[in-house]
Amino acid sequence: MADKRIDPDTAAASARELLERSVEERVAAVRSLVAATNDVDAADQAAKDARDAHSKAWDAALASGWSDKELRATGARAPGTLGTAPRARRSTRRPAEETPAPAPEHSE
């Protein structure tokens, strides 16, 4: 049985290719992570800007003569309050009563 000789330079080139592929995959993962982080930061800033604009608009409405109660009656939400989530409907049906399992049949 003859042993196949492996060229060290060929093995080194294969190893380098595997390492480079691994590095590129890892770098791509970091690139994707940082892009997602930037998206979150931008969304956080946009939400803050929207909350500030909402607060200023509420104050302007109050300054124009509206009361809190009147504004709420229009469906407007005061700054700092969360919207109401739709409530789950409750069923008035009672759960079906359990029926006893049929008796096992005996064969003789």
C-alpha atoms as a PDB file:
ATOM      1  CA  MET A   1       0.000   0.000   0.000  1.00  0.00           C
ATOM      2  CA  ALA A   2       1.547   3.252  -1.153  1.00  0.00           C
ATOM      3  CA  ASP A   3       1.111   6.418   0.866  1.00  0.00           C
ATOM      4  CA  LYS A   4       0.026   9.443  -1.115  1.00  0.00           C
ATOM      5  CA  ARG A   5       2.371  12.315  -0.510  1.00  0.00           C
ATOM      6  CA  ILE A   6       0.753  15.683   0.235  1.00  0.00           C
ATOM      7  CA  ASP A   7       2.433  18.811  -0.985  1.00  0.00           C
ATOM      8  CA  PRO A   8       2.906  21.184   1.990  1.00  0.00           C
ATOM      9  CA  ASP A   9       2.301  24.249  -0.174  1.00  0.00           C
ATOM     10  CA  THR A  10      -0.986  22.828  -1.490  1.00  0.00           C
ATOM     11  CA  ALA A  11      -2.107  21.993   2.051  1.00  0.00           C
ATOM     12  CA  ALA A  12      -1.151  25.481   3.210  1.00  0.00           C
ATOM     13  CA  ALA A  13      -3.116  27.039   0.346  1.00  0.00           C
ATOM     14  CA  SER A  14      -6.159  24.933   1.258  1.00  0.00           C
ATOM     15  CA  ALA A  15      -5.823  25.946   4.895  1.00  0.00           C
ATOM     16  CA  ARG A  16      -5.528  29.621   3.927  1.00  0.00           C
ATOM     17  CA  GLU A  17      -8.670  29.364   1.768  1.00  0.00           C
ATOM     18  CA  LEU A  18     -10.622  27.778   4.629  1.00  0.00           C
ATOM     19  CA  LEU A  19      -9.457  30.460   7.059  1.00  0.00           C
ATOM     20  CA  GLU A  20     -10.263  33.286   4.650  1.00  0.00           C
ATOM     21  CA  ARG A  21     -13.755  31.892   4.049  1.00  0.00           C
ATOM     22  CA  SER A  22     -14.308  31.655   7.815  1.00  0.00           C
ATOM     23  CA  VAL A  23     -13.033  35.206   8.344  1.00  0.00           C
ATOM     24  CA  GLU A  24     -15.291  36.579   5.588  1.00  0.00           C
ATOM     25  CA  GLU A  25     -18.334  34.855   7.139  1.00  0.00           C
ATOM     26  CA  ARG A  26     -17.496  36.289  10.549  1.00  0.00           C
ATOM     27  CA  VAL A  27     -16.903  39.775   9.136  1.00  0.00           C
ATOM     28  CA  ALA A  28     -20.241  39.577   7.285  1.00  0.00           C
ATOM     29  CA  ALA A  29     -21.948  38.660  10.574  1.00  0.00           C
ATOM     30  CA  VAL A  30     -20.447  41.725  12.275  1.00  0.00           C
ATOM     31  CA  ARG A  31     -21.438  43.921   9.330  1.00  0.00           C
ATOM     32  CA  SER A  32     -25.035  42.660   9.607  1.00  0.00           C
ATOM     33  CA  LEU A  33     -25.062  43.121  13.389  1.00  0.00           C
ATOM     34  CA  VAL A  34     -23.824  46.709  13.190  1.00  0.00           C
ATOM     35  CA  ALA A  35     -26.366  47.561  10.470  1.00  0.00           C
ATOM     36  CA  ALA A  36     -29.160  46.191  12.686  1.00  0.00           C
ATOM     37  CA  THR A  37     -27.799  48.156  15.657  1.00  0.00           C
ATOM     38  CA  ASN A  38     -27.843  51.336  13.573  1.00  0.00           C
ATOM     39  CA  ASP A  39     -31.446  50.597  12.535  1.00  0.00           C
ATOM     40  CA  VAL A  40     -32.449  50.235  16.192  1.00  0.00           C
ATOM     41  CA  ASP A  41     -30.692  53.483  17.100  1.00  0.00           C
ATOM     42  CA  ALA A  42     -32.434  55.318  14.245  1.00  0.00           C
ATOM     43  CA  ALA A  43     -35.819  53.887  15.252  1.00  0.00           C
ATOM     44  CA  ASP A  44     -35.235  54.887  18.883  1.00  0.00           C
ATOM     45  CA  GLN A  45     -34.386  58.434  17.789  1.00  0.00           C
ATOM     46  CA  ALA A  46     -37.430  58.590  15.498  1.00  0.00           C
ATOM     47  CA  ALA A  47     -39.658  57.415  18.364  1.00  0.00           C
ATOM     48  CA  LYS A  48     -38.179  60.073  20.668  1.00  0.00           C
ATOM     49  CA  ASP A  49     -38.733  62.746  18.014  1.00  0.00           C
ATOM     50  CA  ALA A  50     -42.332  61.576  17.542  1.00  0.00           C
ATOM     51  CA  ARG A  51     -42.966  61.662  21.316  1.00  0.00           C
ATOM     52  CA  ASP A  52     -41.539  65.199  21.492  1.00  0.00           C
ATOM     53  CA  ALA A  53     -43.717  66.338  18.561  1.00  0.00           C
ATOM     54  CA  HIS A  54     -46.776  64.730  20.171  1.00  0.00           C
ATOM     55  CA  SER A  55     -46.103  66.515  23.449  1.00  0.00           C
ATOM     56  CA  LYS A  56     -45.668  69.879  21.702  1.00  0.00           C
ATOM     57  CA  ALA A  57     -48.863  69.363  19.674  1.00  0.00           C
ATOM     58  CA  TRP A  58     -50.785  68.469  22.846  1.00  0.00           C
ATOM     59  CA  ASP A  59     -49.471  71.584  24.596  1.00  0.00           C
ATOM     60  CA  ALA A  60     -50.405  73.710  21.577  1.00  0.00           C
ATOM     61  CA  ALA A  61     -53.938  72.272  21.605  1.00  0.00           C
ATOM     62  CA  LEU A  62     -54.255  73.053  25.325  1.00  0.00           C
ATOM     63  CA  ALA A  63     -52.924  76.580  24.738  1.00  0.00           C
ATOM     64  CA  SER A  64     -55.537  77.092  22.020  1.00  0.00           C
ATOM     65  CA  GLY A  65     -58.311  76.525  24.547  1.00  0.00           C
ATOM     66  CA  TRP A  66     -58.980  72.797  24.515  1.00  0.00           C
ATOM     67  CA  SER A  67     -59.172  70.975  27.845  1.00  0.00           C
ATOM     68  CA  ASP A  68     -57.614  67.581  28.545  1.00  0.00           C
ATOM     69  CA  LYS A  69     -61.073  66.060  28.769  1.00  0.00           C
ATOM     70  CA  GLU A  70     -62.187  67.569  25.453  1.00  0.00           C
ATOM     71  CA  LEU A  71     -59.063  66.393  23.665  1.00  0.00           C
ATOM     72  CA  ARG A  72     -59.473  62.882  25.027  1.00  0.00           C
ATOM     73  CA  ALA A  73     -63.107  62.919  23.894  1.00  0.00           C
ATOM     74  CA  THR A  74     -61.849  63.409  20.322  1.00  0.00           C
ATOM     75  CA  GLY A  75     -59.870  60.187  20.598  1.00  0.00           C
ATOM     76  CA  ALA A  76     -56.551  61.985  21.000  1.00  0.00           C
ATOM     77  CA  ARG A  77     -54.163  60.404  23.447  1.00  0.00           C
ATOM     78  CA  ALA A  78     -52.268  62.491  25.969  1.00  0.00           C
ATOM     79  CA  PRO A  79     -48.468  62.356  25.794  1.00  0.00           C
ATOM     80  CA  GLY A  80     -46.947  59.615  27.885  1.00  0.00           C
ATOM     81  CA  THR A  81     -49.994  57.356  27.719  1.00  0.00           C
ATOM     82  CA  LEU A  82     -49.975  54.116  25.849  1.00  0.00           C
ATOM     83  CA  GLY A  83     -52.619  53.171  23.334  1.00  0.00           C
ATOM     84  CA  THR A  84     -55.124  50.607  24.424  1.00  0.00           C
ATOM     85  CA  ALA A  85     -54.655  47.181  22.994  1.00  0.00           C
ATOM     86  CA  PRO A  86     -57.737  45.372  21.793  1.00  0.00           C
ATOM     87  CA  ARG A  87     -59.005  43.067  24.487  1.00  0.00           C
ATOM     88  CA  ALA A  88     -59.465  39.411  23.856  1.00  0.00           C
ATOM     89  CA  ARG A  89     -63.090  38.413  23.673  1.00  0.00           C
ATOM     90  CA  ARG A  90     -64.293  36.122  26.365  1.00  0.00           C
ATOM     91  CA  SER A  91     -66.423  33.238  25.377  1.00  0.00           C
ATOM     92  CA  THR A  92     -69.706  32.735  27.194  1.00  0.00           C
ATOM     93  CA  ARG A  93     -69.666  29.085  26.208  1.00  0.00           C
ATOM     94  CA  ARG A  94     -68.822  26.623  28.881  1.00  0.00           C
ATOM     95  CA  PRO A  95     -66.232  24.002  28.074  1.00  0.00           C
ATOM     96  CA  ALA A  96     -67.728  20.734  26.879  1.00  0.00           C
ATOM     97  CA  GLU A  97     -68.199  18.278  29.679  1.00  0.00           C
ATOM     98  CA  GLU A  98     -65.897  15.365  29.602  1.00  0.00           C
ATOM     99  CA  THR A  99     -67.500  12.207  28.320  1.00  0.00           C
ATOM    100  CA  PRO A 100     -66.368   8.960  29.886  1.00  0.00           C
ATOM    101  CA  ALA A 101     -64.173   6.788  27.734  1.00  0.00           C
ATOM    102  CA  PRO A 102     -65.863   3.643  26.407  1.00  0.00           C
ATOM    103  CA  ALA A 103     -65.211   0.511  28.411  1.00  0.00           C
ATOM    104  CA  PRO A 104     -62.601  -1.774  26.895  1.00  0.00           C
ATOM    105  CA  GLU A 105     -63.999  -4.776  25.073  1.00  0.00           C
ATOM    106  CA  HIS A 106     -63.093  -8.205  26.316  1.00  0.00           C
ATOM    107  CA  SER A 107     -62.749 -11.011  23.845  1.00  0.00           C
ATOM    108  CA  GLU A 108     -62.650 -14.564  24.979  1.00  0.00           C
END
